[in-house]
C-alpha cells in the first residue's frame, strides 16, 4: 500500500476528488494548511496598503491506495491540480505498513 500526500490549491479540490473517485479511490482526508515553497509568499494590497503574505493557503490531501494504483492516482492528481503557474503544489508517496478499519477490525487492503 502507498500513502500519497499532496498539497494543492484549494479551488482544485473538487476536480481532484472527481478524478480520484473515477479511479476507484474510496477515501480521502483533507486538511487546510498554509505554507510556502519556491514562490516564497506574495504581496497583496488591502485598503491601499501593501502586505507581504508569507504563507500561502493550500489543501493537504492524504490517501492510501493499493501499491499498483499509486502511479495512476499520482498522475490523476498532477493532471487535475495543475494550473501551470507557480504554487501548484507538491506530492509525496510513502510506503504504508498496515491499515486497520477501527469499526470492523479489517486490515490492510480490506481496510481501505
PDB file of N, CA and C in Angstrom:
ATOM      1  N   UNK A   1       0.850  -1.171   0.000  1.00  0.00           N
ATOM      2  CA  UNK A   1       0.000   0.000   0.000  1.00  0.00           C
ATOM      3  C   UNK A   1       0.894   1.232   0.000  1.00  0.00           C
ATOM      4  N   UNK A   2       0.381   2.311  -0.581  1.00  0.00           N
ATOM      5  CA  UNK A   2       1.112   3.571  -0.655  1.00  0.00           C
ATOM      6  C   UNK A   2       0.241   4.696  -0.119  1.00  0.00           C
ATOM      7  N   UNK A   3       0.861   5.626   0.608  1.00  0.00           N
ATOM      8  CA  UNK A   3       0.177   6.834   1.042  1.00  0.00           C
ATOM      9  C   UNK A   3       0.651   7.972   0.150  1.00  0.00           C
ATOM     10  N   UNK A   4      -0.290   8.719  -0.377  1.00  0.00           N
ATOM     11  CA  UNK A   4       0.024   9.890  -1.189  1.00  0.00           C
ATOM     12  C   UNK A   4      -0.374  11.113  -0.384  1.00  0.00           C
ATOM     13  N   UNK A   5       0.575  12.003  -0.202  1.00  0.00           N
ATOM     14  CA  UNK A   5       0.330  13.282   0.463  1.00  0.00           C
ATOM     15  C   UNK A   5       0.520  14.348  -0.595  1.00  0.00           C
ATOM     16  N   UNK A   6      -0.514  15.149  -0.824  1.00  0.00           N
ATOM     17  CA  UNK A   6      -0.458  16.173  -1.868  1.00  0.00           C
ATOM     18  C   UNK A   6      -0.883  17.516  -1.296  1.00  0.00           C
ATOM     19  N   UNK A   7      -0.135  18.554  -1.612  1.00  0.00           N
ATOM     20  CA  UNK A   7      -0.523  19.924  -1.285  1.00  0.00           C
ATOM     21  C   UNK A   7      -0.969  20.573  -2.587  1.00  0.00           C
ATOM     22  N   UNK A   8      -2.215  21.039  -2.626  1.00  0.00           N
ATOM     23  CA  UNK A   8      -2.775  21.606  -3.858  1.00  0.00           C
ATOM     24  C   UNK A   8      -3.445  22.942  -3.570  1.00  0.00           C
ATOM     25  N   UNK A   9      -3.746  23.671  -4.637  1.00  0.00           N
ATOM     26  CA  UNK A   9      -4.507  24.908  -4.499  1.00  0.00           C
ATOM     27  C   UNK A   9      -5.943  24.563  -4.122  1.00  0.00           C
ATOM     28  N   UNK A  10      -6.537  25.312  -3.193  1.00  0.00           N
ATOM     29  CA  UNK A  10      -7.872  24.961  -2.686  1.00  0.00           C
ATOM     30  C   UNK A  10      -8.961  24.847  -3.753  1.00  0.00           C
ATOM     31  N   UNK A  11      -8.929  25.695  -4.765  1.00  0.00           N
ATOM     32  CA  UNK A  11     -10.015  25.666  -5.750  1.00  0.00           C
ATOM     33  C   UNK A  11      -9.946  24.452  -6.674  1.00  0.00           C
ATOM     34  N   UNK A  12      -8.903  23.643  -6.567  1.00  0.00           N
ATOM     35  CA  UNK A  12      -8.757  22.443  -7.395  1.00  0.00           C
ATOM     36  C   UNK A  12      -9.307  21.179  -6.721  1.00  0.00           C
ATOM     37  N   UNK A  13      -9.785  21.301  -5.479  1.00  0.00           N
ATOM     38  CA  UNK A  13     -10.202  20.125  -4.728  1.00  0.00           C
ATOM     39  C   UNK A  13     -11.280  19.301  -5.426  1.00  0.00           C
ATOM     40  N   UNK A  14     -12.350  19.932  -5.888  1.00  0.00           N
ATOM     41  CA  UNK A  14     -13.449  19.172  -6.497  1.00  0.00           C
ATOM     42  C   UNK A  14     -12.994  18.400  -7.727  1.00  0.00           C
ATOM     43  N   UNK A  15     -12.169  19.028  -8.561  1.00  0.00           N
ATOM     44  CA  UNK A  15     -11.660  18.342  -9.758  1.00  0.00           C
ATOM     45  C   UNK A  15     -10.810  17.136  -9.375  1.00  0.00           C
ATOM     46  N   UNK A  16      -9.938  17.316  -8.393  1.00  0.00           N
ATOM     47  CA  UNK A  16      -9.059  16.231  -7.959  1.00  0.00           C
ATOM     48  C   UNK A  16      -9.880  15.101  -7.357  1.00  0.00           C
ATOM     49  N   UNK A  17     -10.852  15.436  -6.509  1.00  0.00           N
ATOM     50  CA  UNK A  17     -11.694  14.410  -5.897  1.00  0.00           C
ATOM     51  C   UNK A  17     -12.436  13.592  -6.946  1.00  0.00           C
ATOM     52  N   UNK A  18     -12.990  14.278  -7.950  1.00  0.00           N
ATOM     53  CA  UNK A  18     -13.707  13.578  -9.020  1.00  0.00           C
ATOM     54  C   UNK A  18     -12.781  12.639  -9.785  1.00  0.00           C
ATOM     55  N   UNK A  19     -11.563  13.092 -10.074  1.00  0.00           N
ATOM     56  CA  UNK A  19     -10.607  12.252 -10.799  1.00  0.00           C
ATOM     57  C   UNK A  19     -10.236  11.019  -9.985  1.00  0.00           C
ATOM     58  N   UNK A  20     -10.032  11.196  -8.684  1.00  0.00           N
ATOM     59  CA  UNK A  20      -9.675  10.065  -7.832  1.00  0.00           C
ATOM     60  C   UNK A  20     -10.842   9.098  -7.665  1.00  0.00           C
ATOM     61  N   UNK A  21     -12.041   9.634  -7.522  1.00  0.00           N
ATOM     62  CA  UNK A  21     -13.227   8.785  -7.420  1.00  0.00           C
ATOM     63  C   UNK A  21     -13.382   7.950  -8.690  1.00  0.00           C
ATOM     64  N   UNK A  22     -13.090   8.548  -9.828  1.00  0.00           N
ATOM     65  CA  UNK A  22     -13.148   7.831 -11.100  1.00  0.00           C
ATOM     66  C   UNK A  22     -12.171   6.666 -11.178  1.00  0.00           C
ATOM     67  N   UNK A  23     -11.090   6.742 -10.411  1.00  0.00           N
ATOM     68  CA  UNK A  23     -10.116   5.644 -10.366  1.00  0.00           C
ATOM     69  C   UNK A  23     -10.498   4.570  -9.359  1.00  0.00           C
ATOM     70  N   UNK A  24     -11.532   4.839  -8.562  1.00  0.00           N
ATOM     71  CA  UNK A  24     -11.949   3.873  -7.552  1.00  0.00           C
ATOM     72  C   UNK A  24     -11.396   4.147  -6.166  1.00  0.00           C
ATOM     73  N   UNK A  25     -10.782   5.319  -5.967  1.00  0.00           N
ATOM     74  CA  UNK A  25     -10.288   5.678  -4.636  1.00  0.00           C
ATOM     75  C   UNK A  25     -11.496   5.881  -3.734  1.00  0.00           C
ATOM     76  N   UNK A  26     -11.515   5.175  -2.600  1.00  0.00           N
ATOM     77  CA  UNK A  26     -12.715   5.186  -1.768  1.00  0.00           C
ATOM     78  C   UNK A  26     -12.633   6.108  -0.561  1.00  0.00           C
ATOM     79  N   UNK A  27     -11.476   6.715  -0.315  1.00  0.00           N
ATOM     80  CA  UNK A  27     -11.365   7.585   0.844  1.00  0.00           C
ATOM     81  C   UNK A  27     -10.272   8.615   0.660  1.00  0.00           C
ATOM     82  N   UNK A  28     -10.445   9.738   1.355  1.00  0.00           N
ATOM     83  CA  UNK A  28      -9.534  10.855   1.198  1.00  0.00           C
ATOM     84  C   UNK A  28      -9.649  11.744   2.430  1.00  0.00           C
ATOM     85  N   UNK A  29      -8.531  12.186   2.969  1.00  0.00           N
ATOM     86  CA  UNK A  29      -8.547  13.140   4.077  1.00  0.00           C
ATOM     87  C   UNK A  29      -8.057  14.483   3.549  1.00  0.00           C
ATOM     88  N   UNK A  30      -8.724  15.554   3.960  1.00  0.00           N
ATOM     89  CA  UNK A  30      -8.381  16.902   3.503  1.00  0.00           C
ATOM     90  C   UNK A  30      -8.167  17.794   4.716  1.00  0.00           C
ATOM     91  N   UNK A  31      -7.061  18.534   4.709  1.00  0.00           N
ATOM     92  CA  UNK A  31      -6.734  19.457   5.790  1.00  0.00           C
ATOM     93  C   UNK A  31      -6.374  20.800   5.177  1.00  0.00           C
ATOM     94  N   UNK A  32      -6.884  21.888   5.762  1.00  0.00           N
ATOM     95  CA  UNK A  32      -6.479  23.219   5.324  1.00  0.00           C
ATOM     96  C   UNK A  32      -5.118  23.526   5.929  1.00  0.00           C
ATOM     97  N   UNK A  33      -4.179  23.924   5.094  1.00  0.00           N
ATOM     98  CA  UNK A  33      -2.824  24.222   5.558  1.00  0.00           C
ATOM     99  C   UNK A  33      -2.358  25.547   4.973  1.00  0.00           C
ATOM    100  N   UNK A  34      -1.241  26.037   5.478  1.00  0.00           N
ATOM    101  CA  UNK A  34      -0.567  27.190   4.902  1.00  0.00           C
ATOM    102  C   UNK A  34       0.892  26.814   4.753  1.00  0.00           C
ATOM    103  N   UNK A  35       1.530  27.322   3.710  1.00  0.00           N
ATOM    104  CA  UNK A  35       2.934  27.009   3.515  1.00  0.00           C
ATOM    105  C   UNK A  35       3.540  27.874   2.437  1.00  0.00           C
ATOM    106  N   UNK A  36       4.810  27.614   2.170  1.00  0.00           N
ATOM    107  CA  UNK A  36       5.465  28.288   1.058  1.00  0.00           C
ATOM    108  C   UNK A  36       6.506  27.359   0.478  1.00  0.00           C
ATOM    109  N   UNK A  37       6.794  27.591  -0.765  1.00  0.00           N
ATOM    110  CA  UNK A  37       7.808  26.818  -1.477  1.00  0.00           C
ATOM    111  C   UNK A  37       8.613  27.787  -2.311  1.00  0.00           C
ATOM    112  N   UNK A  38       8.762  27.466  -3.566  1.00  0.00           N
ATOM    113  CA  UNK A  38       9.564  28.297  -4.468  1.00  0.00           C
ATOM    114  C   UNK A  38       9.018  29.716  -4.570  1.00  0.00           C
ATOM    115  N   UNK A  39       7.686  29.866  -4.450  1.00  0.00           N
ATOM    116  CA  UNK A  39       7.099  31.202  -4.597  1.00  0.00           C
ATOM    117  C   UNK A  39       7.360  32.083  -3.391  1.00  0.00           C
ATOM    118  N   UNK A  40       7.683  31.501  -2.231  1.00  0.00           N
ATOM    119  CA  UNK A  40       8.034  32.225  -1.002  1.00  0.00           C
ATOM    120  C   UNK A  40       7.037  33.318  -0.644  1.00  0.00           C
ATOM    121  N   UNK A  41       5.768  33.078  -0.836  1.00  0.00           N
ATOM    122  CA  UNK A  41       4.734  34.056  -0.491  1.00  0.00           C
ATOM    123  C   UNK A  41       4.505  35.050  -1.616  1.00  0.00           C
ATOM    124  N   UNK A  42       3.677  36.045  -1.335  1.00  0.00           N
ATOM    125  CA  UNK A  42       3.373  37.054  -2.335  1.00  0.00           C
ATOM    126  C   UNK A  42       2.913  38.327  -1.640  1.00  0.00           C
ATOM    127  N   UNK A  43       2.709  39.376  -2.425  1.00  0.00           N
ATOM    128  CA  UNK A  43       2.288  40.665  -1.894  1.00  0.00           C
ATOM    129  C   UNK A  43       0.837  40.918  -2.264  1.00  0.00           C
ATOM    130  N   UNK A  44       0.040  41.400  -1.304  1.00  0.00           N
ATOM    131  CA  UNK A  44      -1.349  41.769  -1.561  1.00  0.00           C
ATOM    132  C   UNK A  44      -1.578  43.201  -1.124  1.00  0.00           C
ATOM    133  N   UNK A  45      -2.555  43.846  -1.751  1.00  0.00           N
ATOM    134  CA  UNK A  45      -2.919  45.205  -1.372  1.00  0.00           C
ATOM    135  C   UNK A  45      -4.285  45.161  -0.718  1.00  0.00           C
ATOM    136  N   UNK A  46      -4.377  45.717   0.501  1.00  0.00           N
ATOM    137  CA  UNK A  46      -5.639  45.750   1.237  1.00  0.00           C
ATOM    138  C   UNK A  46      -5.838  47.166   1.748  1.00  0.00           C
ATOM    139  N   UNK A  47      -6.947  47.785   1.330  1.00  0.00           N
ATOM    140  CA  UNK A  47      -7.272  49.166   1.711  1.00  0.00           C
ATOM    141  C   UNK A  47      -6.114  50.125   1.445  1.00  0.00           C
ATOM    142  N   UNK A  48      -5.494  49.928   0.300  1.00  0.00           N
ATOM    143  CA  UNK A  48      -4.434  50.835  -0.128  1.00  0.00           C
ATOM    144  C   UNK A  48      -3.068  50.547   0.444  1.00  0.00           C
ATOM    145  N   UNK A  49      -2.968  49.616   1.363  1.00  0.00           N
ATOM    146  CA  UNK A  49      -1.669  49.279   1.960  1.00  0.00           C
ATOM    147  C   UNK A  49      -1.195  47.933   1.408  1.00  0.00           C
ATOM    148  N   UNK A  50       0.093  47.824   1.215  1.00  0.00           N
ATOM    149  CA  UNK A  50       0.671  46.604   0.683  1.00  0.00           C
ATOM    150  C   UNK A  50       1.125  45.707   1.836  1.00  0.00           C
ATOM    151  N   UNK A  51       0.764  44.425   1.769  1.00  0.00           N
ATOM    152  CA  UNK A  51       1.125  43.465   2.800  1.00  0.00           C
ATOM    153  C   UNK A  51       1.861  42.292   2.178  1.00  0.00           C
ATOM    154  N   UNK A  52       2.861  41.812   2.879  1.00  0.00           N
ATOM    155  CA  UNK A  52       3.583  40.612   2.458  1.00  0.00           C
ATOM    156  C   UNK A  52       2.890  39.406   3.078  1.00  0.00           C
ATOM    157  N   UNK A  53       2.449  38.470   2.246  1.00  0.00           N
ATOM    158  CA  UNK A  53       1.822  37.232   2.719  1.00  0.00           C
ATOM    159  C   UNK A  53       2.885  36.140   2.627  1.00  0.00           C
ATOM    160  N   UNK A  54       3.393  35.716   3.780  1.00  0.00           N
ATOM    161  CA  UNK A  54       4.493  34.764   3.814  1.00  0.00           C
ATOM    162  C   UNK A  54       4.050  33.322   3.571  1.00  0.00           C
ATOM    163  N   UNK A  55       2.834  33.000   3.995  1.00  0.00           N
ATOM    164  CA  UNK A  55       2.337  31.639   3.843  1.00  0.00           C
ATOM    165  C   UNK A  55       1.113  31.643   2.946  1.00  0.00           C
ATOM    166  N   UNK A  56       1.110  30.731   1.989  1.00  0.00           N
ATOM    167  CA  UNK A  56       0.046  30.645   1.005  1.00  0.00           C
ATOM    168  C   UNK A  56      -0.933  29.543   1.419  1.00  0.00           C
ATOM    169  N   UNK A  57      -2.253  29.796   1.355  1.00  0.00           N
ATOM    170  CA  UNK A  57      -3.212  28.747   1.720  1.00  0.00           C
ATOM    171  C   UNK A  57      -3.208  27.602   0.701  1.00  0.00           C
ATOM    172  N   UNK A  58      -3.219  26.387   1.221  1.00  0.00           N
ATOM    173  CA  UNK A  58      -3.253  25.171   0.405  1.00  0.00           C
ATOM    174  C   UNK A  58      -4.171  24.171   1.086  1.00  0.00           C
ATOM    175  N   UNK A  59      -4.440  23.090   0.396  1.00  0.00           N
ATOM    176  CA  UNK A  59      -5.120  21.944   0.989  1.00  0.00           C
ATOM    177  C   UNK A  59      -4.153  20.775   0.956  1.00  0.00           C
ATOM    178  N   UNK A  60      -4.113  20.029   2.065  1.00  0.00           N
ATOM    179  CA  UNK A  60      -3.307  18.811   2.102  1.00  0.00           C
ATOM    180  C   UNK A  60      -4.246  17.626   1.951  1.00  0.00           C
ATOM    181  N   UNK A  61      -3.993  16.812   0.946  1.00  0.00           N
ATOM    182  CA  UNK A  61      -4.763  15.598   0.718  1.00  0.00           C
ATOM    183  C   UNK A  61      -3.919  14.422   1.171  1.00  0.00           C
ATOM    184  N   UNK A  62      -4.547  13.498   1.870  1.00  0.00           N
ATOM    185  CA  UNK A  62      -3.878  12.265   2.275  1.00  0.00           C
ATOM    186  C   UNK A  62      -4.765  11.103   1.869  1.00  0.00           C
ATOM    187  N   UNK A  63      -4.186  10.164   1.134  1.00  0.00           N
ATOM    188  CA  UNK A  63      -4.946   8.993   0.733  1.00  0.00           C
ATOM    189  C   UNK A  63      -4.035   7.794   0.687  1.00  0.00           C
ATOM    190  N   UNK A  64      -4.596   6.628   0.972  1.00  0.00           N
ATOM    191  CA  UNK A  64      -3.853   5.376   0.903  1.00  0.00           C
ATOM    192  C   UNK A  64      -4.515   4.522  -0.166  1.00  0.00           C
ATOM    193  N   UNK A  65      -3.681   4.012  -1.069  1.00  0.00           N
ATOM    194  CA  UNK A  65      -4.170   3.212  -2.191  1.00  0.00           C
ATOM    195  C   UNK A  65      -3.326   1.945  -2.304  1.00  0.00           C
ATOM    196  N   UNK A  66      -3.857   0.916  -2.973  1.00  0.00           N
ATOM    197  CA  UNK A  66      -3.021  -0.254  -3.250  1.00  0.00           C
ATOM    198  C   UNK A  66      -1.789   0.180  -4.058  1.00  0.00           C
ATOM    199  N   UNK A  67      -0.665  -0.471  -3.845  1.00  0.00           N
ATOM    200  CA  UNK A  67       0.588  -0.077  -4.492  1.00  0.00           C
ATOM    201  C   UNK A  67       0.460  -0.017  -6.011  1.00  0.00           C
ATOM    202  N   UNK A  68      -0.306  -0.938  -6.594  1.00  0.00           N
ATOM    203  CA  UNK A  68      -0.425  -0.951  -8.057  1.00  0.00           C
ATOM    204  C   UNK A  68      -1.309   0.175  -8.600  1.00  0.00           C
ATOM    205  N   UNK A  69      -1.960   0.910  -7.724  1.00  0.00           N
ATOM    206  CA  UNK A  69      -2.822   2.024  -8.137  1.00  0.00           C
ATOM    207  C   UNK A  69      -2.173   3.390  -7.872  1.00  0.00           C
ATOM    208  N   UNK A  70      -1.031   3.385  -7.195  1.00  0.00           N
ATOM    209  CA  UNK A  70      -0.404   4.641  -6.760  1.00  0.00           C
ATOM    210  C   UNK A  70      -0.014   5.537  -7.933  1.00  0.00           C
ATOM    211  N   UNK A  71       0.603   4.979  -8.945  1.00  0.00           N
ATOM    212  CA  UNK A  71       1.055   5.805 -10.072  1.00  0.00           C
ATOM    213  C   UNK A  71      -0.123   6.458 -10.791  1.00  0.00           C
ATOM    214  N   UNK A  72      -1.222   5.727 -10.939  1.00  0.00           N
ATOM    215  CA  UNK A  72      -2.425   6.303 -11.557  1.00  0.00           C
ATOM    216  C   UNK A  72      -2.979   7.443 -10.711  1.00  0.00           C
ATOM    217  N   UNK A  73      -2.995   7.266  -9.399  1.00  0.00           N
ATOM    218  CA  UNK A  73      -3.519   8.300  -8.512  1.00  0.00           C
ATOM    219  C   UNK A  73      -2.636   9.543  -8.546  1.00  0.00           C
ATOM    220  N   UNK A  74      -1.320   9.347  -8.530  1.00  0.00           N
ATOM    221  CA  UNK A  74      -0.391  10.481  -8.611  1.00  0.00           C
ATOM    222  C   UNK A  74      -0.597  11.234  -9.929  1.00  0.00           C
ATOM    223  N   UNK A  75      -0.719  10.514 -11.016  1.00  0.00           N
ATOM    224  CA  UNK A  75      -0.941  11.149 -12.321  1.00  0.00           C
ATOM    225  C   UNK A  75      -2.254  11.914 -12.353  1.00  0.00           C
ATOM    226  N   UNK A  76      -3.308  11.324 -11.790  1.00  0.00           N
ATOM    227  CA  UNK A  76      -4.617  11.985 -11.778  1.00  0.00           C
ATOM    228  C   UNK A  76      -4.570  13.278 -10.972  1.00  0.00           C
ATOM    229  N   UNK A  77      -3.896  13.246  -9.819  1.00  0.00           N
ATOM    230  CA  UNK A  77      -3.782  14.458  -9.012  1.00  0.00           C
ATOM    231  C   UNK A  77      -2.976  15.511  -9.762  1.00  0.00           C
ATOM    232  N   UNK A  78      -1.841  15.107 -10.320  1.00  0.00           N
ATOM    233  CA  UNK A  78      -0.975  16.054 -11.032  1.00  0.00           C
ATOM    234  C   UNK A  78      -1.695  16.709 -12.199  1.00  0.00           C
ATOM    235  N   UNK A  79      -2.414  15.917 -12.972  1.00  0.00           N
ATOM    236  CA  UNK A  79      -3.096  16.451 -14.158  1.00  0.00           C
ATOM    237  C   UNK A  79      -4.235  17.395 -13.784  1.00  0.00           C
ATOM    238  N   UNK A  80      -5.002  17.047 -12.759  1.00  0.00           N
ATOM    239  CA  UNK A  80      -6.164  17.866 -12.422  1.00  0.00           C
ATOM    240  C   UNK A  80      -5.815  19.056 -11.545  1.00  0.00           C
ATOM    241  N   UNK A  81      -4.732  18.974 -10.766  1.00  0.00           N
ATOM    242  CA  UNK A  81      -4.357  20.088  -9.890  1.00  0.00           C
ATOM    243  C   UNK A  81      -3.490  21.123 -10.602  1.00  0.00           C
ATOM    244  N   UNK A  82      -2.943  20.764 -11.750  1.00  0.00           N
ATOM    245  CA  UNK A  82      -2.006  21.645 -12.457  1.00  0.00           C
ATOM    246  C   UNK A  82      -2.710  22.844 -13.086  1.00  0.00           C
ATOM    247  N   UNK A  83      -2.174  24.030 -12.796  1.00  0.00           N
ATOM    248  CA  UNK A  83      -2.633  25.250 -13.470  1.00  0.00           C
ATOM    249  C   UNK A  83      -1.552  25.781 -14.401  1.00  0.00           C
ATOM    250  N   UNK A  84      -0.325  25.316 -14.202  1.00  0.00           N
ATOM    251  CA  UNK A  84       0.794  25.803 -14.991  1.00  0.00           C
ATOM    252  C   UNK A  84       1.459  27.031 -14.391  1.00  0.00           C
ATOM    253  N   UNK A  85       0.958  27.447 -13.243  1.00  0.00           N
ATOM    254  CA  UNK A  85       1.517  28.623 -12.567  1.00  0.00           C
ATOM    255  C   UNK A  85       2.251  28.179 -11.308  1.00  0.00           C
ATOM    256  N   UNK A  86       3.144  29.035 -10.832  1.00  0.00           N
ATOM    257  CA  UNK A  86       3.898  28.721  -9.622  1.00  0.00           C
ATOM    258  C   UNK A  86       2.935  28.501  -8.456  1.00  0.00           C
ATOM    259  N   UNK A  87       3.281  27.555  -7.587  1.00  0.00           N
ATOM    260  CA  UNK A  87       2.448  27.279  -6.425  1.00  0.00           C
ATOM    261  C   UNK A  87       1.408  26.199  -6.632  1.00  0.00           C
ATOM    262  N   UNK A  88       1.529  25.410  -7.702  1.00  0.00           N
ATOM    263  CA  UNK A  88       0.563  24.334  -7.937  1.00  0.00           C
ATOM    264  C   UNK A  88       0.619  23.245  -6.872  1.00  0.00           C
ATOM    265  N   UNK A  89       1.736  23.101  -6.194  1.00  0.00           N
ATOM    266  CA  UNK A  89       1.817  22.151  -5.090  1.00  0.00           C
ATOM    267  C   UNK A  89       2.896  21.105  -5.261  1.00  0.00           C
ATOM    268  N   UNK A  90       2.853  20.129  -4.370  1.00  0.00           N
ATOM    269  CA  UNK A  90       3.814  19.029  -4.361  1.00  0.00           C
ATOM    270  C   UNK A  90       3.094  17.763  -3.925  1.00  0.00           C
ATOM    271  N   UNK A  91       3.719  16.607  -4.244  1.00  0.00           N
ATOM    272  CA  UNK A  91       3.208  15.321  -3.790  1.00  0.00           C
ATOM    273  C   UNK A  91       4.353  14.478  -3.255  1.00  0.00           C
ATOM    274  N   UNK A  92       4.021  13.659  -2.275  1.00  0.00           N
ATOM    275  CA  UNK A  92       4.974  12.718  -1.708  1.00  0.00           C
ATOM    276  C   UNK A  92       4.285  11.361  -1.641  1.00  0.00           C
ATOM    277  N   UNK A  93       5.018  10.311  -1.947  1.00  0.00           N
ATOM    278  CA  UNK A  93       4.472   8.956  -1.910  1.00  0.00           C
ATOM    279  C   UNK A  93       5.303   8.144  -0.918  1.00  0.00           C
ATOM    280  N   UNK A  94       4.608   7.529   0.061  1.00  0.00           N
ATOM    281  CA  UNK A  94       5.281   6.773   1.117  1.00  0.00           C
ATOM    282  C   UNK A  94       4.719   5.356   1.180  1.00  0.00           C
ATOM    283  N   UNK A  95       5.528   4.434   1.659  1.00  0.00           N
ATOM    284  CA  UNK A  95       5.057   3.074   1.901  1.00  0.00           C
ATOM    285  C   UNK A  95       4.213   3.044   3.173  1.00  0.00           C
ATOM    286  N   UNK A  96       3.160   2.229   3.156  1.00  0.00           N
ATOM    287  CA  UNK A  96       2.300   2.040   4.327  1.00  0.00           C
ATOM    288  C   UNK A  96       2.434   0.583   4.753  1.00  0.00           C
ATOM    289  N   UNK A  97       2.791   0.370   6.009  1.00  0.00           N
ATOM    290  CA  UNK A  97       2.987  -0.989   6.507  1.00  0.00           C
ATOM    291  C   UNK A  97       1.679  -1.680   6.870  1.00  0.00           C
ATOM    292  N   UNK A  98       0.727  -0.911   7.404  1.00  0.00           N
ATOM    293  CA  UNK A  98      -0.507  -1.540   7.871  1.00  0.00           C
ATOM    294  C   UNK A  98      -1.636  -0.525   7.867  1.00  0.00           C
ATOM    295  N   UNK A  99      -2.831  -1.012   7.611  1.00  0.00           N
ATOM    296  CA  UNK A  99      -4.049  -0.215   7.726  1.00  0.00           C
ATOM    297  C   UNK A  99      -5.065  -1.048   8.498  1.00  0.00           C
ATOM    298  N   UNK A 100      -5.846  -0.388   9.357  1.00  0.00           N
ATOM    299  CA  UNK A 100      -6.859  -1.083  10.151  1.00  0.00           C
ATOM    300  C   UNK A 100      -8.133  -0.259  10.131  1.00  0.00           C
ATOM    301  N   UNK A 101      -9.251  -0.890   9.793  1.00  0.00           N
ATOM    302  CA  UNK A 101     -10.554  -0.242   9.909  1.00  0.00           C
ATOM    303  C   UNK A 101     -11.013  -0.454  11.351  1.00  0.00           C
ATOM    304  N   UNK A 102     -11.138   0.619  12.096  1.00  0.00           N
ATOM    305  CA  UNK A 102     -11.419   0.543  13.526  1.00  0.00           C
ATOM    306  C   UNK A 102     -12.743  -0.177  13.795  1.00  0.00           C
ATOM    307  N   UNK A 103     -13.783   0.143  13.042  1.00  0.00           N
ATOM    308  CA  UNK A 103     -15.114  -0.416  13.307  1.00  0.00           C
ATOM    309  C   UNK A 103     -15.153  -1.922  13.182  1.00  0.00           C
ATOM    310  N   UNK A 104     -14.502  -2.483  12.138  1.00  0.00           N
ATOM    311  CA  UNK A 104     -14.631  -3.917  11.865  1.00  0.00           C
ATOM    312  C   UNK A 104     -13.387  -4.743  12.186  1.00  0.00           C
ATOM    313  N   UNK A 105     -12.249  -4.060  12.326  1.00  0.00           N
ATOM    314  CA  UNK A 105     -11.015  -4.787  12.545  1.00  0.00           C
ATOM    315  C   UNK A 105     -10.361  -5.272  11.265  1.00  0.00           C
ATOM    316  N   UNK A 106     -10.982  -4.979  10.118  1.00  0.00           N
ATOM    317  CA  UNK A 106     -10.378  -5.372   8.853  1.00  0.00           C
ATOM    318  C   UNK A 106      -9.001  -4.732   8.727  1.00  0.00           C
ATOM    319  N   UNK A 107      -8.097  -5.416   8.031  1.00  0.00           N
ATOM    320  CA  UNK A 107      -6.736  -4.912   7.925  1.00  0.00           C
ATOM    321  C   UNK A 107      -6.301  -4.783   6.469  1.00  0.00           C
ATOM    322  N   UNK A 108      -5.294  -3.968   6.289  1.00  0.00           N
ATOM    323  CA  UNK A 108      -4.614  -3.757   5.018  1.00  0.00           C
ATOM    324  C   UNK A 108      -5.580  -3.425   3.879  1.00  0.00           C
ATOM    325  N   UNK A 109      -5.512  -4.111   2.739  1.00  0.00           N
ATOM    326  CA  UNK A 109      -6.325  -3.722   1.583  1.00  0.00           C
ATOM    327  C   UNK A 109      -7.830  -3.765   1.886  1.00  0.00           C
ATOM    328  N   UNK A 110      -8.253  -4.711   2.728  1.00  0.00           N
ATOM    329  CA  UNK A 110      -9.669  -4.782   3.087  1.00  0.00           C
ATOM    330  C   UNK A 110     -10.100  -3.562   3.898  1.00  0.00           C
ATOM    331  N   UNK A 111      -9.163  -2.917   4.582  1.00  0.00           N
ATOM    332  CA  UNK A 111      -9.477  -1.746   5.398  1.00  0.00           C
ATOM    333  C   UNK A 111      -9.609  -0.476   4.567  1.00  0.00           C
ATOM    334  N   UNK A 112      -9.105  -0.507   3.348  1.00  0.00           N
ATOM    335  CA  UNK A 112      -9.191   0.683   2.513  1.00  0.00           C
ATOM    336  C   UNK A 112     -10.601   0.842   1.993  1.00  0.00           C
TER     337      UNK A 112
END
